[in-house]
Amino acid sequence: MKRLTIGLAVLLLALGACARGVSSTPSPAPGNTPEAAMEDSREVIPGVEVLERSGFECLRGKKVGLLTNPSGIDRNLRSTVDILFSAPEVELKVLFAPEHGVRGDVYAGGRLSDTVDEATGLPVRSLYGSTRTPTPEMLKGLDAVVYDIQDVGTRSYTFISSLGLLMRACAEQGVEVVVLDRPNPLGGEKVEGCPVEDGYYSFISQFHIPYVYGLTVGELATLINEEGLNRGEKGNLPHKTCKLTVVPMEGWTRDMTFADTGLPWVLPSPNIPYPQSAQGYPAAGILGELGFVNIGVGYTLPFGCFAAGWIDADALKARLDSYDVPGVSFRTIHYKPTSGADSGKLLHGVQYYFTDYAKAELTMVQFFVLQALHELYPDRNPFARDKISTFDRVCGTDCARVAFEKSFKAQDFRTVWFKDVEAFKDLSKKYYMY
């Protein structure tokens, strides 16, 4: 199988060559103090800026498409759309719109239509409307398609699914895919959850990878391309290997969360307004699929809390405190959402905090909450039959839910949920770029 060539790894200017599995950090400018040099060494430079510094070498003389959204920016908040549109010797021909649109002007779940980008006059082809896969007509005449979207590190987030479908379509048409790498806001050390099992593949569980996968989007693209995991939206098609180039970041290390990078955060979707929302997404989002309690969506803390009108907040906090959940603390909270099914209702529950992020298992937070709620309110069933289908598709299996329902103990869920984590860590290490 063809191996990936990181096309711009030799183009890091004075920073030296950067082969796959190695990251480079900026050298201090002459005259900098040791303190300033140390500060510079922690600065993360996203792939779009590394591309620009190279003089756009891997795109020079090519007709190019771009799949991006408002999170595709440099450190000065310049849009990747504008950077490529004005790049010398790069002919940006078309924009591709994922969920929420290129400019982020479509709310969650809204279908997109083909349109024209007002700022550039470029055609915009929807990949979240009548098709999620670029058609041959959309790719006609292109030499490469660039992908630049801030990932959140969780499998059910749709942008990586759009990337996989783009890679398949480009493989079929002989078009190169260029991924501009960005940090994983969860860091590069968290791996949690089952890989997707047969019968549970979907647009929100498209690859045979854990729910939290511990890779940057460039590393993930390499893994699915090289390991034969890119098998379409339902996971039932022959794998297609595309020509893939990853433009690496500079300065990122696997122990970094987004707060460590010094980069500006632009919300990649409406309910991920802050970097901590990205960390909360795998901690609360699976439970959110059940509609059993409010998880802060529709309020100012999306994926940051668990509440309902029928909950005794003090009792819930006391029960959760008794579990001594590693790396997590809880406080009581009372609030009224301003949108959604609970709009205007006073809800009671808990907000959670990662007090030791390294020790915390993100996805387990919601299952300790479910355990506590079952112990306090045994007559309330979170697994209504009309909700479990989407819940299982998000989990990528029904096995973890079935194990949990037998006892309503978080540890029983964990036993199934984490069973393949170490094997995936071993597999993914060979694709580390940092």
Protein backbone atom coordinates (compact mmCIF):
# COMPACT_ATOMS: atom_id res chain seq x y z
CA MET A 1 0.00 0.00 0.00
CA LYS A 2 1.34 3.43 -0.80
CA ARG A 3 2.84 5.30 2.10
CA LEU A 4 2.03 8.95 2.80
CA THR A 5 4.58 11.57 1.85
CA ILE A 6 4.26 14.65 3.99
CA GLY A 7 4.90 16.95 1.12
CA LEU A 8 5.86 20.05 3.02
CA ALA A 9 7.92 18.47 5.76
CA VAL A 10 11.14 19.54 4.05
CA LEU A 11 9.92 23.08 3.65
CA LEU A 12 10.03 24.33 7.22
CA LEU A 13 12.57 26.95 6.17
CA ALA A 14 15.18 27.66 8.81
CA LEU A 15 13.47 25.31 11.19
CA GLY A 16 14.97 22.22 9.55
CA ALA A 17 13.46 19.13 8.04
CA CYS A 18 10.55 17.51 9.82
CA ALA A 19 9.90 13.88 8.95
CA ARG A 20 6.76 12.08 9.92
CA GLY A 21 6.83 11.30 13.62
CA VAL A 22 8.96 14.40 14.42
CA SER A 23 7.85 17.95 15.13
CA SER A 24 9.91 21.11 14.81
CA THR A 25 9.83 24.10 17.13
CA PRO A 26 10.74 27.65 16.14
CA SER A 27 14.31 28.80 16.64
CA PRO A 28 14.65 32.07 18.58
CA ALA A 29 15.51 35.15 16.56
CA PRO A 30 19.02 36.56 17.12
CA GLY A 31 19.18 38.69 20.22
CA ASN A 32 16.22 37.06 22.00
CA THR A 33 16.60 36.45 25.71
CA PRO A 34 16.58 32.83 26.94
CA GLU A 35 13.18 33.50 28.50
CA ALA A 36 11.81 34.77 25.19
CA ALA A 37 13.31 31.82 23.35
CA MET A 38 11.61 29.47 25.79
CA GLU A 39 8.30 31.25 25.23
CA ASP A 40 8.76 31.05 21.45
CA SER A 41 9.42 27.30 21.67
CA ARG A 42 5.90 26.81 23.00
CA GLU A 43 4.23 28.76 20.22
CA VAL A 44 2.11 26.60 17.94
CA ILE A 45 1.98 27.53 14.27
CA PRO A 46 -0.91 25.94 12.35
CA GLY A 47 -0.47 24.16 9.04
CA VAL A 48 -1.95 27.02 7.02
CA GLU A 49 0.90 29.29 8.12
CA VAL A 50 3.52 26.62 7.46
CA LEU A 51 2.04 26.34 3.96
CA GLU A 52 2.23 30.09 3.47
CA ARG A 53 5.84 30.23 4.72
CA SER A 54 6.80 27.62 2.14
CA GLY A 55 5.48 29.86 -0.63
CA PHE A 56 2.54 27.46 -1.09
CA GLU A 57 4.96 25.06 -2.74
CA CYS A 58 2.75 21.96 -2.76
CA LEU A 59 -0.08 23.97 -4.37
CA ARG A 60 1.89 26.18 -6.72
CA GLY A 61 0.58 26.06 -10.28
CA LYS A 62 -2.43 23.96 -9.28
CA LYS A 63 -6.16 24.40 -9.54
CA VAL A 64 -7.41 24.00 -6.02
CA GLY A 65 -10.63 23.43 -4.04
CA LEU A 66 -10.97 24.16 -0.33
CA LEU A 67 -13.11 22.43 2.31
CA THR A 68 -13.17 24.71 5.34
CA ASN A 69 -15.30 26.72 7.77
CA PRO A 70 -14.73 29.75 10.05
CA SER A 71 -12.26 27.79 12.20
CA GLY A 72 -9.82 27.67 9.28
CA ILE A 73 -7.68 30.66 10.27
CA ASP A 74 -4.10 31.68 10.99
CA ARG A 75 -2.88 33.19 14.26
CA ASN A 76 -4.05 36.64 13.15
CA LEU A 77 -7.58 35.40 12.40
CA ARG A 78 -7.08 35.57 8.65
CA SER A 79 -9.35 33.07 6.92
CA THR A 80 -7.77 30.23 4.97
CA VAL A 81 -10.22 31.17 2.21
CA ASP A 82 -8.65 34.61 1.93
CA ILE A 83 -5.10 33.29 2.28
CA LEU A 84 -5.47 30.82 -0.58
CA PHE A 85 -7.57 33.19 -2.69
CA SER A 86 -4.73 35.72 -2.71
CA ALA A 87 -1.86 33.21 -2.85
CA PRO A 88 0.45 33.71 -5.82
CA GLU A 89 0.49 30.90 -8.36
CA VAL A 90 -2.41 29.12 -6.62
CA GLU A 91 -5.72 29.10 -8.46
CA LEU A 92 -8.49 28.65 -5.89
CA LYS A 93 -11.46 27.54 -7.96
CA VAL A 94 -14.18 26.32 -5.59
CA LEU A 95 -15.17 26.11 -1.93
CA PHE A 96 -16.75 23.04 -0.34
CA ALA A 97 -19.20 23.56 2.52
CA PRO A 98 -19.45 21.08 5.43
CA GLU A 99 -22.17 21.13 8.10
CA HIS A 100 -22.87 24.75 9.18
CA GLY A 101 -21.38 26.14 5.96
CA VAL A 102 -18.10 27.71 4.87
CA ARG A 103 -18.90 30.92 6.75
CA GLY A 104 -20.70 29.20 9.65
CA ASP A 105 -24.07 30.73 8.84
CA VAL A 106 -26.18 27.55 8.96
CA TYR A 107 -27.31 26.19 12.33
CA ALA A 108 -26.95 22.59 13.53
CA GLY A 109 -28.58 20.08 11.22
CA GLY A 110 -29.55 22.65 8.60
CA ARG A 111 -29.22 21.48 5.01
CA LEU A 112 -27.01 23.49 2.68
CA SER A 113 -27.50 24.40 -0.95
CA ASP A 114 -24.92 25.32 -3.57
CA THR A 115 -24.31 29.04 -3.56
CA VAL A 116 -21.70 31.72 -4.23
CA ASP A 117 -19.31 33.10 -1.62
CA GLU A 118 -19.98 36.84 -1.48
CA ALA A 119 -16.46 37.78 -0.34
CA THR A 120 -14.60 36.00 -3.15
CA GLY A 121 -17.22 35.30 -5.80
CA LEU A 122 -16.22 31.63 -5.74
CA PRO A 123 -18.81 28.89 -6.18
CA VAL A 124 -19.66 27.00 -2.99
CA ARG A 125 -20.57 23.32 -3.34
CA SER A 126 -22.61 21.85 -0.50
CA LEU A 127 -21.43 18.66 1.20
CA TYR A 128 -24.28 18.73 3.69
CA GLY A 129 -27.36 18.74 1.51
CA SER A 130 -28.35 16.47 -1.34
CA THR A 131 -24.93 14.81 -1.15
CA ARG A 132 -22.20 14.46 1.47
CA THR A 133 -19.67 13.13 -1.01
CA PRO A 134 -18.14 15.37 -3.68
CA THR A 135 -19.40 14.32 -7.10
CA PRO A 136 -17.08 13.87 -10.10
CA GLU A 137 -18.55 17.07 -11.51
CA MET A 138 -17.61 18.99 -8.34
CA LEU A 139 -14.00 17.78 -8.59
CA LYS A 140 -13.66 18.19 -12.35
CA GLY A 141 -10.60 20.22 -13.35
CA LEU A 142 -9.09 20.30 -9.85
CA ASP A 143 -5.56 19.17 -9.06
CA ALA A 144 -5.98 19.22 -5.28
CA VAL A 145 -8.51 19.87 -2.53
CA VAL A 146 -7.31 21.46 0.71
CA TYR A 147 -8.92 20.63 4.07
CA ASP A 148 -8.61 23.10 6.95
CA ILE A 149 -11.08 22.78 9.85
CA GLN A 150 -10.42 22.80 13.58
CA ASP A 151 -11.12 19.28 14.82
CA VAL A 152 -12.49 18.44 18.29
CA GLY A 153 -10.92 14.99 18.67
CA THR A 154 -14.20 13.06 18.93
CA ARG A 155 -15.45 10.55 16.35
CA SER A 156 -19.10 11.66 16.18
CA TYR A 157 -18.20 15.21 15.10
CA THR A 158 -19.14 15.35 11.42
CA PHE A 159 -16.18 17.21 9.93
CA ILE A 160 -13.84 14.20 9.98
CA SER A 161 -16.58 12.22 8.24
CA SER A 162 -16.69 14.88 5.52
CA LEU A 163 -12.90 14.60 5.23
CA GLY A 164 -13.13 10.83 4.77
CA LEU A 165 -15.75 11.13 2.05
CA LEU A 166 -13.67 13.82 0.34
CA MET A 167 -10.64 11.52 0.40
CA ARG A 168 -12.64 8.67 -1.18
CA ALA A 169 -14.02 10.90 -3.93
CA CYS A 170 -10.60 12.38 -4.67
CA ALA A 171 -9.05 8.90 -4.80
CA GLU A 172 -11.56 7.92 -7.48
CA GLN A 173 -10.88 11.06 -9.54
CA GLY A 174 -7.09 11.20 -9.10
CA VAL A 175 -7.23 14.46 -7.12
CA GLU A 176 -4.74 15.11 -4.33
CA VAL A 177 -5.95 15.90 -0.79
CA VAL A 178 -3.92 18.39 1.28
CA VAL A 179 -4.69 18.53 5.01
CA LEU A 180 -3.54 21.62 6.90
CA ASP A 181 -2.93 20.28 10.38
CA ARG A 182 -4.28 21.78 13.60
CA PRO A 183 -4.14 20.84 17.29
CA ASN A 184 -6.36 18.22 18.82
CA PRO A 185 -8.01 20.28 21.60
CA LEU A 186 -8.21 17.17 23.79
CA GLY A 187 -4.46 16.71 23.48
CA GLY A 188 -2.77 13.73 21.88
CA GLU A 189 -2.88 11.36 24.84
CA LYS A 190 -6.60 10.71 25.41
CA VAL A 191 -7.97 7.55 23.77
CA GLU A 192 -11.38 6.30 24.91
CA GLY A 193 -14.23 4.20 23.60
CA CYS A 194 -15.01 1.30 21.30
CA PRO A 195 -14.10 1.29 17.63
CA VAL A 196 -17.25 1.22 15.50
CA GLU A 197 -18.67 -2.28 15.03
CA ASP A 198 -20.48 -3.72 12.02
CA GLY A 199 -24.07 -2.55 11.84
CA TYR A 200 -23.36 0.78 13.54
CA TYR A 201 -21.46 2.71 10.88
CA SER A 202 -22.99 6.07 9.98
CA PHE A 203 -22.04 9.65 9.19
CA ILE A 204 -21.48 10.17 12.94
CA SER A 205 -19.48 6.93 13.34
CA GLN A 206 -17.74 6.48 10.02
CA PHE A 207 -14.36 4.95 10.89
CA HIS A 208 -13.23 1.92 12.89
CA ILE A 209 -11.58 4.11 15.51
CA PRO A 210 -12.29 4.84 19.21
CA TYR A 211 -14.71 7.57 20.19
CA VAL A 212 -11.81 9.73 21.43
CA TYR A 213 -8.84 8.94 19.18
CA GLY A 214 -5.89 11.04 20.38
CA LEU A 215 -4.69 12.14 16.93
CA THR A 216 -4.52 15.41 15.05
CA VAL A 217 -6.69 15.56 11.96
CA GLY A 218 -3.59 15.12 9.78
CA GLU A 219 -2.55 12.03 11.72
CA LEU A 220 -6.08 10.65 11.56
CA ALA A 221 -6.28 11.20 7.81
CA THR A 222 -3.00 9.32 7.41
CA LEU A 223 -4.19 6.43 9.57
CA ILE A 224 -7.51 5.91 7.78
CA ASN A 225 -5.78 6.25 4.40
CA GLU A 226 -3.01 3.76 5.20
CA GLU A 227 -4.97 1.25 7.30
CA GLY A 228 -7.85 0.74 4.89
CA LEU A 229 -10.44 2.33 7.19
CA ASN A 230 -12.00 4.78 4.73
CA ARG A 231 -14.96 2.63 3.66
CA GLY A 232 -17.72 5.18 3.12
CA GLU A 233 -20.51 6.57 5.24
CA LYS A 234 -21.96 3.14 6.08
CA GLY A 235 -18.61 1.39 6.35
CA ASN A 236 -19.50 -1.12 3.64
CA LEU A 237 -17.55 0.05 0.58
CA PRO A 238 -14.10 -0.98 -0.64
CA HIS A 239 -11.37 1.22 0.79
CA LYS A 240 -9.93 3.89 -1.52
CA THR A 241 -6.40 5.23 -0.99
CA CYS A 242 -5.91 8.82 -2.08
CA LYS A 243 -2.79 10.87 -2.68
CA LEU A 244 -2.53 12.60 0.68
CA THR A 245 -0.25 15.41 1.79
CA VAL A 246 -0.30 16.67 5.38
CA VAL A 247 1.13 20.10 6.09
CA PRO A 248 2.28 19.78 9.71
CA MET A 249 2.08 22.30 12.52
CA GLU A 250 5.13 23.62 14.29
CA GLY A 251 5.52 23.57 18.05
CA TRP A 252 2.67 21.24 19.04
CA THR A 253 3.32 18.40 21.47
CA ARG A 254 0.98 15.60 22.48
CA ASP A 255 0.56 16.79 26.06
CA MET A 256 -0.95 20.12 24.92
CA THR A 257 -4.60 20.97 25.24
CA PHE A 258 -5.81 23.91 23.19
CA ALA A 259 -5.25 26.33 26.06
CA ASP A 260 -1.53 25.51 25.86
CA THR A 261 -1.18 26.41 22.18
CA GLY A 262 -1.59 30.20 22.32
CA LEU A 263 -3.85 29.98 19.26
CA PRO A 264 -7.15 31.86 18.97
CA TRP A 265 -10.23 29.66 19.18
CA VAL A 266 -12.93 30.17 16.55
CA LEU A 267 -15.97 28.01 17.19
CA PRO A 268 -16.05 25.25 14.54
CA SER A 269 -19.79 24.80 15.18
CA PRO A 270 -22.44 26.70 17.18
CA ASN A 271 -22.32 24.50 20.28
CA ILE A 272 -18.51 24.44 20.57
CA PRO A 273 -17.97 28.13 21.44
CA TYR A 274 -14.95 27.56 23.72
CA PRO A 275 -12.05 25.09 23.82
CA GLN A 276 -13.51 23.63 27.03
CA SER A 277 -16.70 22.90 25.08
CA ALA A 278 -14.63 20.58 22.90
CA GLN A 279 -13.47 18.78 26.04
CA GLY A 280 -17.05 18.61 27.29
CA TYR A 281 -18.40 17.23 24.01
CA PRO A 282 -17.25 13.63 24.66
CA ALA A 283 -18.01 13.97 28.40
CA ALA A 284 -21.69 14.86 27.97
CA GLY A 285 -22.65 14.54 24.31
CA ILE A 286 -23.42 10.82 24.30
CA LEU A 287 -25.91 11.24 27.15
CA GLY A 288 -27.35 14.24 25.33
CA GLU A 289 -28.55 11.93 22.57
CA LEU A 290 -31.09 10.41 24.98
CA GLY A 291 -32.88 13.69 25.72
CA PHE A 292 -33.03 12.49 29.33
CA VAL A 293 -31.46 15.58 30.90
CA ASN A 294 -30.26 18.92 29.63
CA ILE A 295 -26.48 19.04 29.08
CA GLY A 296 -26.13 22.81 28.81
CA VAL A 297 -27.04 23.03 25.12
CA GLY A 298 -29.47 25.92 24.82
CA TYR A 299 -27.75 27.61 27.76
CA THR A 300 -24.34 29.26 28.09
CA LEU A 301 -22.56 26.02 29.06
CA PRO A 302 -22.97 23.58 26.14
CA PHE A 303 -21.78 20.10 27.16
CA GLY A 304 -20.85 21.53 30.57
CA CYS A 305 -23.60 20.35 32.92
CA PHE A 306 -26.41 17.87 33.61
CA ALA A 307 -29.77 19.18 34.79
CA ALA A 308 -33.54 18.66 34.74
CA GLY A 309 -36.56 20.09 36.49
CA TRP A 310 -37.03 16.91 38.53
CA ILE A 311 -33.45 16.65 39.86
CA ASP A 312 -32.48 17.51 43.44
CA ALA A 313 -29.17 19.25 42.72
CA ASP A 314 -27.73 18.77 46.22
CA ALA A 315 -28.58 15.08 46.26
CA LEU A 316 -27.03 14.54 42.83
CA LYS A 317 -23.83 16.34 43.79
CA ALA A 318 -23.56 14.36 47.03
CA ARG A 319 -24.01 11.06 45.21
CA LEU A 320 -21.43 11.97 42.54
CA ASP A 321 -18.96 13.15 45.20
CA SER A 322 -19.28 9.76 46.89
CA TYR A 323 -17.89 8.09 43.74
CA ASP A 324 -14.64 10.09 43.91
CA VAL A 325 -14.48 10.27 40.10
CA PRO A 326 -10.79 10.66 39.12
CA GLY A 327 -9.87 14.18 37.95
CA VAL A 328 -13.45 15.52 38.10
CA SER A 329 -15.33 17.70 40.58
CA PHE A 330 -18.96 18.79 40.64
CA ARG A 331 -20.93 21.78 41.88
CA THR A 332 -24.67 22.40 42.01
CA ILE A 333 -26.20 24.60 39.32
CA HIS A 334 -29.65 26.04 38.56
CA TYR A 335 -30.44 27.68 35.23
CA LYS A 336 -33.04 28.38 32.54
CA PRO A 337 -32.09 27.49 28.95
CA THR A 338 -32.96 30.14 26.39
CA SER A 339 -33.57 27.70 23.52
CA GLY A 340 -34.45 24.08 22.89
CA ALA A 341 -36.99 21.79 24.52
CA ASP A 342 -36.22 23.16 28.00
CA SER A 343 -36.38 26.83 27.05
CA GLY A 344 -37.62 28.97 29.93
CA LYS A 345 -37.75 26.07 32.41
CA LEU A 346 -35.80 26.22 35.67
CA LEU A 347 -33.47 23.22 35.75
CA HIS A 348 -31.42 21.83 38.61
CA GLY A 349 -28.32 19.68 38.51
CA VAL A 350 -24.54 19.76 38.46
CA GLN A 351 -21.80 21.47 36.52
CA TYR A 352 -18.55 19.51 36.29
CA TYR A 353 -14.90 20.58 36.20
CA PHE A 354 -11.73 18.74 35.21
CA THR A 355 -9.56 19.32 38.26
CA ASP A 356 -6.87 16.93 37.00
CA TYR A 357 -7.31 16.63 33.25
CA ALA A 358 -4.56 14.04 32.85
CA LYS A 359 -6.34 11.64 35.22
CA ALA A 360 -9.87 12.25 33.96
CA GLU A 361 -11.60 9.83 31.60
CA LEU A 362 -13.72 12.23 29.59
CA THR A 363 -16.40 9.90 28.30
CA MET A 364 -17.02 8.32 31.70
CA VAL A 365 -18.35 11.53 33.30
CA GLN A 366 -21.83 11.11 31.79
CA PHE A 367 -22.06 7.48 32.87
CA PHE A 368 -21.29 8.28 36.47
CA VAL A 369 -24.09 10.85 36.20
CA LEU A 370 -26.43 8.19 34.78
CA GLN A 371 -25.47 5.83 37.60
CA ALA A 372 -26.20 8.49 40.23
CA LEU A 373 -29.52 9.43 38.65
CA HIS A 374 -30.60 5.78 38.54
CA GLU A 375 -29.75 5.34 42.21
CA LEU A 376 -31.65 8.49 43.15
CA TYR A 377 -34.57 8.05 40.72
CA PRO A 378 -34.84 4.32 39.87
CA ASP A 379 -38.26 4.76 38.26
CA ARG A 380 -36.90 7.06 35.55
CA ASN A 381 -35.58 5.16 32.55
CA PRO A 382 -33.08 7.08 30.40
CA PHE A 383 -33.13 4.46 27.64
CA ALA A 384 -36.49 5.09 26.02
CA ARG A 385 -36.83 2.85 22.98
CA ASP A 386 -37.17 5.72 20.52
CA LYS A 387 -33.82 7.19 21.63
CA ILE A 388 -31.43 4.26 21.81
CA SER A 389 -30.88 3.90 18.05
CA THR A 390 -29.02 7.20 17.77
CA PHE A 391 -27.31 6.60 21.13
CA ASP A 392 -25.92 3.28 19.87
CA ARG A 393 -24.85 4.79 16.54
CA VAL A 394 -22.93 7.49 18.39
CA CYS A 395 -21.31 4.84 20.60
CA GLY A 396 -20.60 2.71 17.52
CA THR A 397 -22.00 -0.36 19.28
CA ASP A 398 -24.89 -1.49 21.45
CA CYS A 399 -22.66 -3.67 23.64
CA ALA A 400 -21.65 -0.90 26.04
CA ARG A 401 -25.26 0.19 26.59
CA VAL A 402 -26.45 -3.39 27.10
CA ALA A 403 -23.73 -3.95 29.69
CA PHE A 404 -24.65 -0.71 31.46
CA GLU A 405 -28.39 -1.39 31.49
CA LYS A 406 -27.87 -4.67 33.35
CA SER A 407 -26.45 -2.92 36.43
CA PHE A 408 -26.47 0.86 35.88
CA LYS A 409 -22.87 0.85 37.12
CA ALA A 410 -20.42 3.06 35.25
CA GLN A 411 -17.64 0.53 35.75
CA ASP A 412 -19.58 -2.13 33.84
CA PHE A 413 -19.92 0.28 30.93
CA ARG A 414 -16.19 1.07 31.13
CA THR A 415 -15.19 -2.59 30.93
CA VAL A 416 -16.74 -2.86 27.46
CA TRP A 417 -16.08 0.72 26.37
CA PHE A 418 -12.29 0.62 26.95
CA LYS A 419 -11.60 -2.96 25.85
CA ASP A 420 -9.80 -2.01 22.58
CA VAL A 421 -8.10 1.20 23.68
CA GLU A 422 -4.59 -0.20 24.13
CA ALA A 423 -4.65 -1.96 20.78
CA PHE A 424 -5.59 1.28 19.04
CA LYS A 425 -2.85 3.18 20.86
CA ASP A 426 -0.32 0.68 19.58
CA LEU A 427 -1.66 0.99 16.04
CA SER A 428 -1.84 4.76 15.99
CA LYS A 429 1.68 5.43 17.31
CA LYS A 430 3.24 4.77 13.94
CA TYR A 431 1.23 7.68 12.53
CA TYR A 432 2.34 10.20 15.12
CA MET A 433 3.83 13.32 13.54
CA TYR A 434 4.58 15.09 16.82
